[in-house]
Structure formats: structure tokens, C-alpha cells
């Protein structure tokens, strides 16, 4: 049985991605293009105070390799 992801603020998710080796390639408004060797660029399009739900967190994890314990 898999655990579902907890709802989390976008600011916290972005910080976890940056700790995980992702870097911000460019920014346009609330859209940030993140890059990391071995992965395709990922567009992180959330305002810092926005709440990201479990389903979206699962999608982010699938594309970025983020794990639950890294939040």
C-alpha cells in the first residue's frame, strides 16, 4: 500500500527541489523553469503561498524524482 502525499505549500516544494540538486534556469512571473542533469527541464508554475495537493505532488515527483521524505 502506498502512502499519499501530504498537501504542501509551493514554497516548501520548491525549496525541496532546490536542495535535491535542481536549479532555476529562468523565471517569468510565477513560472520557474528548473533544470538538473539527467532530467528534462521542469516548469514549476505555482505561487509560493499556493497549496499543492497530493495528486499534483505525485505528478511533480514523477517528473523530478522528488521523494516524500525530502519535503
Protein backbone atom coordinates (compact mmCIF):
# COMPACT_ATOMS: atom_id res chain seq x y z
CA UNK A 1 0.00 0.00 0.00
CA UNK A 2 1.39 3.41 -0.93
CA UNK A 3 1.07 6.46 1.25
CA UNK A 4 -0.48 9.51 -0.30
CA UNK A 5 1.41 12.77 -0.43
CA UNK A 6 0.51 15.48 2.11
CA UNK A 7 -0.79 18.84 0.87
CA UNK A 8 2.14 21.26 1.00
CA UNK A 9 2.88 24.89 0.23
CA UNK A 10 4.59 25.50 -3.12
CA UNK A 11 7.42 27.39 -1.41
CA UNK A 12 8.31 24.26 0.57
CA UNK A 13 8.19 22.03 -2.52
CA UNK A 14 10.43 24.40 -4.47
CA UNK A 15 12.91 24.50 -1.58
CA UNK A 16 12.99 20.68 -1.52
CA UNK A 17 13.65 20.57 -5.27
CA UNK A 18 16.49 23.08 -4.93
CA UNK A 19 18.03 21.03 -2.09
CA UNK A 20 17.70 17.97 -4.33
CA UNK A 21 20.00 19.49 -6.97
CA UNK A 22 17.55 21.33 -9.21
CA UNK A 23 18.47 24.88 -10.21
CA UNK A 24 16.35 27.70 -11.57
CA UNK A 25 17.17 28.15 -15.25
CA UNK A 26 14.87 31.13 -15.79
CA UNK A 27 11.82 32.84 -14.30
CA UNK A 28 8.81 34.54 -15.84
CA UNK A 29 6.26 35.67 -13.27
CA UNK A 30 5.31 32.66 -11.15
CA UNK A 31 6.67 30.22 -13.76
CA UNK A 32 10.13 28.89 -12.96
CA UNK A 33 11.95 26.58 -15.35
CA UNK A 34 14.07 24.16 -13.32
CA UNK A 35 16.97 22.13 -14.66
CA UNK A 36 19.00 19.18 -13.41
CA UNK A 37 21.46 16.91 -15.17
CA UNK A 38 19.85 13.66 -16.25
CA UNK A 39 16.31 15.11 -16.26
CA UNK A 40 14.25 17.13 -18.73
CA UNK A 41 13.59 20.75 -17.76
CA UNK A 42 10.57 21.09 -15.48
CA UNK A 43 8.24 24.11 -15.37
CA UNK A 44 7.26 24.85 -11.78
CA UNK A 45 4.23 27.16 -12.18
CA UNK A 46 2.99 27.88 -8.66
CA UNK A 47 2.88 30.96 -6.45
CA UNK A 48 4.85 30.50 -3.20
CA UNK A 49 1.78 30.64 -0.93
CA UNK A 50 -0.27 28.25 -3.09
CA UNK A 51 -1.22 24.89 -1.58
CA UNK A 52 -0.25 21.89 -3.75
CA UNK A 53 -2.43 18.82 -3.26
CA UNK A 54 -1.42 15.16 -3.12
CA UNK A 55 -2.22 14.42 -6.75
CA UNK A 56 -0.15 17.27 -8.12
CA UNK A 57 2.71 16.44 -5.75
CA UNK A 58 2.69 12.90 -7.11
CA UNK A 59 2.97 14.26 -10.66
CA UNK A 60 5.82 16.59 -9.67
CA UNK A 61 7.63 13.67 -8.03
CA UNK A 62 7.23 11.54 -11.15
CA UNK A 63 8.95 14.17 -13.30
CA UNK A 64 11.59 15.37 -10.82
CA UNK A 65 12.48 12.33 -8.73
CA UNK A 66 11.32 14.05 -5.51
CA UNK A 67 10.60 11.71 -2.59
CA UNK A 68 8.18 12.17 0.30
CA UNK A 69 10.92 12.29 2.93
CA UNK A 70 12.65 15.17 1.11
CA UNK A 71 9.79 17.54 1.86
